[in-house]
Structure formats: structure tokens, C-alpha cells
Amino acid sequence: MYRKYALITGFSVGLGLTGTAVADDISDQVSAIPGGVEDVSIGGSWQSGDRSGAYRLVVARSGGEKITARLFIQWIAYGDTGQATVDNSIEITELADLGVDIANLTSEADDDGLSVFVDTINETGDSGESFELHVFSPTDYMFGPASN
């Protein structure tokens, strides 16, 4: 792999190219992700009728001394040829309203939807509260303190 890379690089330089690669659509889209989006993960799979896909959890952060997080849940749908599209996307505004950062997320999906357990960091940087999120659909979810 390194050898092939070196040959390609040498060939490009030999032609007088400045090292810029020809970008494809995926590369352009990844480059366009805002810097505040710091965590992206798959939280499990979903199915609705003949449609299926994966839940994607997206965490965006902002702030200087006090960092706050926003949590988004997306439904990624897979088409017949395997192409992935964002079917739905929601923000869990109740978490954003708390003005805390996220220390850890764990999730599990089942026939009822997606359950996400959120551990937070408070304004002093210490462990904060834990919360539960239960997502049943893009228009129906429950968010509140963890009941453990």
C-alpha cells in the first residue's frame, strides 16, 4: 500500500500537479461536516414496513471554557442498491436546554425504538447527571433523568 502511494505521489509531482486530489462526492460531504460535530456513531438498527436502516447519533459541541453539547438522532435508510440517505433527523432539545456536555452515550435498539443513556459533565467538569432517552419515532420520544 505504501509503495503504491509513493508511486502515485511521485507520478503526480512528476506531472507538475500540486498534490491536490480529485475529490468525490463523499469526500466533499465529509469535508463539509462542521467542526462542532465531534461524535458520530451508529446506535442500532430500525425497520418500518419494507424500509430499514440504522439510527445515527450525532453530538455537536460548542463553547470555550464552558462546553455544551447538542444531541441529534437520525434515521439512516438503506435503499435497494445499498445507498444510504437520511430519512429523518431530530434534535433532543431538552438536553441542549440543560447546557451540559456529554461524557458518554450508550444505546440499544429493539422493536419499540431506540434507548440512549446519556452521562453528562457539569459546568465544573465533574460527572453530572445521567439521563435516559427513549425514541419511538421522529415525532415521539421521552427524555428525562435516569431511573437507575
C-alpha atoms as a PDB file:
ATOM      1  CA  MET A   1       0.000   0.000   0.000  1.00  0.00           C
ATOM      2  CA  TYR A   2       2.794   2.451   0.872  1.00  0.00           C
ATOM      3  CA  ARG A   3       4.621   1.623  -2.302  1.00  0.00           C
ATOM      4  CA  LYS A   4       1.584   2.324  -4.456  1.00  0.00           C
ATOM      5  CA  TYR A   5       1.021   5.623  -2.623  1.00  0.00           C
ATOM      6  CA  ALA A   6       4.637   6.645  -3.159  1.00  0.00           C
ATOM      7  CA  LEU A   7       4.418   5.824  -6.857  1.00  0.00           C
ATOM      8  CA  ILE A   8       1.210   7.819  -7.268  1.00  0.00           C
ATOM      9  CA  THR A   9       2.667  10.762  -5.366  1.00  0.00           C
ATOM     10  CA  GLY A  10       5.865  10.648  -7.387  1.00  0.00           C
ATOM     11  CA  PHE A  11       3.875  10.445 -10.613  1.00  0.00           C
ATOM     12  CA  SER A  12       1.734  13.424  -9.593  1.00  0.00           C
ATOM     13  CA  VAL A  13       4.736  15.518  -8.696  1.00  0.00           C
ATOM     14  CA  GLY A  14       6.424  14.448 -11.912  1.00  0.00           C
ATOM     15  CA  LEU A  15       3.496  15.824 -13.877  1.00  0.00           C
ATOM     16  CA  GLY A  16       3.702  19.112 -12.015  1.00  0.00           C
ATOM     17  CA  LEU A  17       0.494  18.659 -10.041  1.00  0.00           C
ATOM     18  CA  THR A  18       0.431  20.411  -6.696  1.00  0.00           C
ATOM     19  CA  GLY A  19      -0.747  17.375  -4.756  1.00  0.00           C
ATOM     20  CA  THR A  20      -4.458  18.190  -4.840  1.00  0.00           C
ATOM     21  CA  ALA A  21      -6.565  15.077  -5.194  1.00  0.00           C
ATOM     22  CA  VAL A  22      -9.634  14.799  -7.314  1.00  0.00           C
ATOM     23  CA  ALA A  23     -12.440  14.859  -4.745  1.00  0.00           C
ATOM     24  CA  ASP A  24     -15.508  12.663  -4.939  1.00  0.00           C
ATOM     25  CA  ASP A  25     -18.976  13.346  -3.544  1.00  0.00           C
ATOM     26  CA  ILE A  26     -18.400  11.501  -0.258  1.00  0.00           C
ATOM     27  CA  SER A  27     -15.092  13.233   0.343  1.00  0.00           C
ATOM     28  CA  ASP A  28     -16.695  16.618  -0.317  1.00  0.00           C
ATOM     29  CA  GLN A  29     -19.566  15.831   2.054  1.00  0.00           C
ATOM     30  CA  VAL A  30     -17.225  14.679   4.823  1.00  0.00           C
ATOM     31  CA  SER A  31     -15.161  17.836   4.375  1.00  0.00           C
ATOM     32  CA  ALA A  32     -18.362  19.889   4.769  1.00  0.00           C
ATOM     33  CA  ILE A  33     -19.185  18.470   8.219  1.00  0.00           C
ATOM     34  CA  PRO A  34     -18.975  21.400  10.663  1.00  0.00           C
ATOM     35  CA  GLY A  35     -16.079  21.332  13.115  1.00  0.00           C
ATOM     36  CA  GLY A  36     -18.514  21.370  16.043  1.00  0.00           C
ATOM     37  CA  VAL A  37     -19.747  17.885  15.106  1.00  0.00           C
ATOM     38  CA  GLU A  38     -17.436  15.822  17.262  1.00  0.00           C
ATOM     39  CA  ASP A  39     -19.105  12.441  17.709  1.00  0.00           C
ATOM     40  CA  VAL A  40     -20.995  10.323  15.197  1.00  0.00           C
ATOM     41  CA  SER A  41     -21.993   6.737  15.911  1.00  0.00           C
ATOM     42  CA  ILE A  42     -24.492   4.090  14.904  1.00  0.00           C
ATOM     43  CA  GLY A  43     -26.925   3.293  17.710  1.00  0.00           C
ATOM     44  CA  GLY A  44     -28.661   0.216  16.319  1.00  0.00           C
ATOM     45  CA  SER A  45     -30.993  -0.706  13.507  1.00  0.00           C
ATOM     46  CA  TRP A  46     -34.635   0.079  12.737  1.00  0.00           C
ATOM     47  CA  GLN A  47     -37.319  -1.277  10.442  1.00  0.00           C
ATOM     48  CA  SER A  48     -40.647   0.211   9.409  1.00  0.00           C
ATOM     49  CA  GLY A  49     -42.672  -1.733   6.885  1.00  0.00           C
ATOM     50  CA  ASP A  50     -40.399  -2.508   3.948  1.00  0.00           C
ATOM     51  CA  ARG A  51     -37.896   0.235   4.914  1.00  0.00           C
ATOM     52  CA  SER A  52     -34.933  -0.378   7.165  1.00  0.00           C
ATOM     53  CA  GLY A  53     -31.739   1.256   8.261  1.00  0.00           C
ATOM     54  CA  ALA A  54     -29.702   2.419  11.215  1.00  0.00           C
ATOM     55  CA  TYR A  55     -30.049   5.010  13.937  1.00  0.00           C
ATOM     56  CA  ARG A  56     -27.214   7.531  13.857  1.00  0.00           C
ATOM     57  CA  LEU A  57     -26.318   9.558  16.960  1.00  0.00           C
ATOM     58  CA  VAL A  58     -24.646  12.901  16.317  1.00  0.00           C
ATOM     59  CA  VAL A  59     -23.128  15.069  19.055  1.00  0.00           C
ATOM     60  CA  ALA A  60     -22.184  18.676  18.336  1.00  0.00           C
ATOM     61  CA  ARG A  61     -20.307  20.788  20.865  1.00  0.00           C
ATOM     62  CA  SER A  62     -19.735  24.500  21.257  1.00  0.00           C
ATOM     63  CA  GLY A  63     -18.288  26.899  23.793  1.00  0.00           C
ATOM     64  CA  GLY A  64     -14.978  27.942  25.223  1.00  0.00           C
ATOM     65  CA  GLU A  65     -14.482  27.461  28.941  1.00  0.00           C
ATOM     66  CA  LYS A  66     -17.966  26.016  29.272  1.00  0.00           C
ATOM     67  CA  ILE A  67     -18.634  23.398  26.622  1.00  0.00           C
ATOM     68  CA  THR A  68     -22.206  22.429  25.868  1.00  0.00           C
ATOM     69  CA  ALA A  69     -23.441  19.564  23.746  1.00  0.00           C
ATOM     70  CA  ARG A  70     -26.382  19.057  21.443  1.00  0.00           C
ATOM     71  CA  LEU A  71     -27.671  15.581  20.577  1.00  0.00           C
ATOM     72  CA  PHE A  72     -29.300  14.611  17.283  1.00  0.00           C
ATOM     73  CA  ILE A  73     -30.861  11.297  16.308  1.00  0.00           C
ATOM     74  CA  GLN A  74     -31.062  10.403  12.633  1.00  0.00           C
ATOM     75  CA  TRP A  75     -32.771   7.607  10.771  1.00  0.00           C
ATOM     76  CA  ILE A  76     -30.434   6.412   8.029  1.00  0.00           C
ATOM     77  CA  ALA A  77     -32.358   4.434   5.383  1.00  0.00           C
ATOM     78  CA  TYR A  78     -30.716   1.940   3.050  1.00  0.00           C
ATOM     79  CA  GLY A  79     -32.053   1.697  -0.487  1.00  0.00           C
ATOM     80  CA  ASP A  80     -32.253  -1.346  -2.730  1.00  0.00           C
ATOM     81  CA  THR A  81     -28.723  -0.853  -4.001  1.00  0.00           C
ATOM     82  CA  GLY A  82     -27.304  -0.104  -0.535  1.00  0.00           C
ATOM     83  CA  GLN A  83     -27.219   3.680  -0.847  1.00  0.00           C
ATOM     84  CA  ALA A  84     -27.708   5.445   2.478  1.00  0.00           C
ATOM     85  CA  THR A  85     -29.904   8.512   2.893  1.00  0.00           C
ATOM     86  CA  VAL A  86     -31.027  10.498   5.927  1.00  0.00           C
ATOM     87  CA  ASP A  87     -34.718   9.625   6.282  1.00  0.00           C
ATOM     88  CA  ASN A  88     -35.377  11.760   9.396  1.00  0.00           C
ATOM     89  CA  SER A  89     -33.416  13.847  11.872  1.00  0.00           C
ATOM     90  CA  ILE A  90     -34.408  15.265  15.253  1.00  0.00           C
ATOM     91  CA  GLU A  91     -32.659  17.243  17.968  1.00  0.00           C
ATOM     92  CA  ILE A  92     -33.156  16.375  21.610  1.00  0.00           C
ATOM     93  CA  THR A  93     -33.698  19.983  22.660  1.00  0.00           C
ATOM     94  CA  GLU A  94     -34.261  19.111  26.310  1.00  0.00           C
ATOM     95  CA  LEU A  95     -30.593  18.106  26.575  1.00  0.00           C
ATOM     96  CA  ALA A  96     -29.415  21.301  24.870  1.00  0.00           C
ATOM     97  CA  ASP A  97     -31.542  23.332  27.304  1.00  0.00           C
ATOM     98  CA  LEU A  98     -29.573  21.848  30.227  1.00  0.00           C
ATOM     99  CA  GLY A  99     -26.345  23.480  28.993  1.00  0.00           C
ATOM    100  CA  VAL A 100     -24.139  20.477  29.799  1.00  0.00           C
ATOM    101  CA  ASP A 101     -21.577  18.414  27.936  1.00  0.00           C
ATOM    102  CA  ILE A 102     -21.917  14.704  27.182  1.00  0.00           C
ATOM    103  CA  ALA A 103     -19.330  12.405  28.760  1.00  0.00           C
ATOM    104  CA  ASN A 104     -20.688   9.119  27.419  1.00  0.00           C
ATOM    105  CA  LEU A 105     -23.514   7.702  25.316  1.00  0.00           C
ATOM    106  CA  THR A 106     -24.681   4.110  25.208  1.00  0.00           C
ATOM    107  CA  SER A 107     -27.571   2.897  23.140  1.00  0.00           C
ATOM    108  CA  GLU A 108     -29.587  -0.140  22.258  1.00  0.00           C
ATOM    109  CA  ALA A 109     -32.328  -0.649  19.730  1.00  0.00           C
ATOM    110  CA  ASP A 110     -35.268  -3.026  19.898  1.00  0.00           C
ATOM    111  CA  ASP A 111     -38.685  -3.419  18.270  1.00  0.00           C
ATOM    112  CA  ASP A 112     -40.011  -0.394  20.201  1.00  0.00           C
ATOM    113  CA  GLY A 113     -37.283   2.005  19.053  1.00  0.00           C
ATOM    114  CA  LEU A 114     -34.017   3.335  20.400  1.00  0.00           C
ATOM    115  CA  SER A 115     -32.913   3.758  24.022  1.00  0.00           C
ATOM    116  CA  VAL A 116     -29.976   6.066  24.716  1.00  0.00           C
ATOM    117  CA  PHE A 117     -28.322   6.524  28.091  1.00  0.00           C
ATOM    118  CA  VAL A 118     -26.529   9.846  28.453  1.00  0.00           C
ATOM    119  CA  ASP A 119     -23.897  10.622  31.092  1.00  0.00           C
ATOM    120  CA  THR A 120     -23.156  14.331  31.375  1.00  0.00           C
ATOM    121  CA  ILE A 121     -20.390  16.588  32.638  1.00  0.00           C
ATOM    122  CA  ASN A 122     -21.459  19.575  34.708  1.00  0.00           C
ATOM    123  CA  GLU A 123     -20.126  23.139  34.449  1.00  0.00           C
ATOM    124  CA  THR A 124     -17.220  22.406  36.833  1.00  0.00           C
ATOM    125  CA  GLY A 125     -16.017  19.496  34.684  1.00  0.00           C
ATOM    126  CA  ASP A 126     -17.176  16.845  37.128  1.00  0.00           C
ATOM    127  CA  SER A 127     -19.539  13.962  36.476  1.00  0.00           C
ATOM    128  CA  GLY A 128     -23.027  15.308  36.114  1.00  0.00           C
ATOM    129  CA  GLU A 129     -26.390  13.658  35.951  1.00  0.00           C
ATOM    130  CA  SER A 130     -27.391  10.658  33.877  1.00  0.00           C
ATOM    131  CA  PHE A 131     -30.379  10.743  31.549  1.00  0.00           C
ATOM    132  CA  GLU A 132     -32.489   8.323  29.554  1.00  0.00           C
ATOM    133  CA  LEU A 133     -33.806   8.923  26.065  1.00  0.00           C
ATOM    134  CA  HIS A 134     -36.384   6.612  24.526  1.00  0.00           C
ATOM    135  CA  VAL A 135     -37.093   7.318  20.859  1.00  0.00           C
ATOM    136  CA  PHE A 136     -40.185   5.683  19.379  1.00  0.00           C
ATOM    137  CA  SER A 137     -40.429   7.700  16.150  1.00  0.00           C
ATOM    138  CA  PRO A 138     -39.254  11.050  14.757  1.00  0.00           C
ATOM    139  CA  THR A 139     -42.250  12.669  16.450  1.00  0.00           C
ATOM    140  CA  ASP A 140     -42.389  10.655  19.671  1.00  0.00           C
ATOM    141  CA  TYR A 141     -39.677  10.392  22.313  1.00  0.00           C
ATOM    142  CA  MET A 142     -39.202  10.694  26.086  1.00  0.00           C
ATOM    143  CA  PHE A 143     -36.205  12.317  27.768  1.00  0.00           C
ATOM    144  CA  GLY A 144     -35.587  12.559  31.500  1.00  0.00           C
ATOM    145  CA  PRO A 145     -33.350  11.676  34.437  1.00  0.00           C
ATOM    146  CA  ALA A 146     -32.117   8.084  34.508  1.00  0.00           C
ATOM    147  CA  SER A 147     -34.205   5.847  36.685  1.00  0.00           C
ATOM    148  CA  ASN A 148     -31.425   3.522  37.858  1.00  0.00           C
END
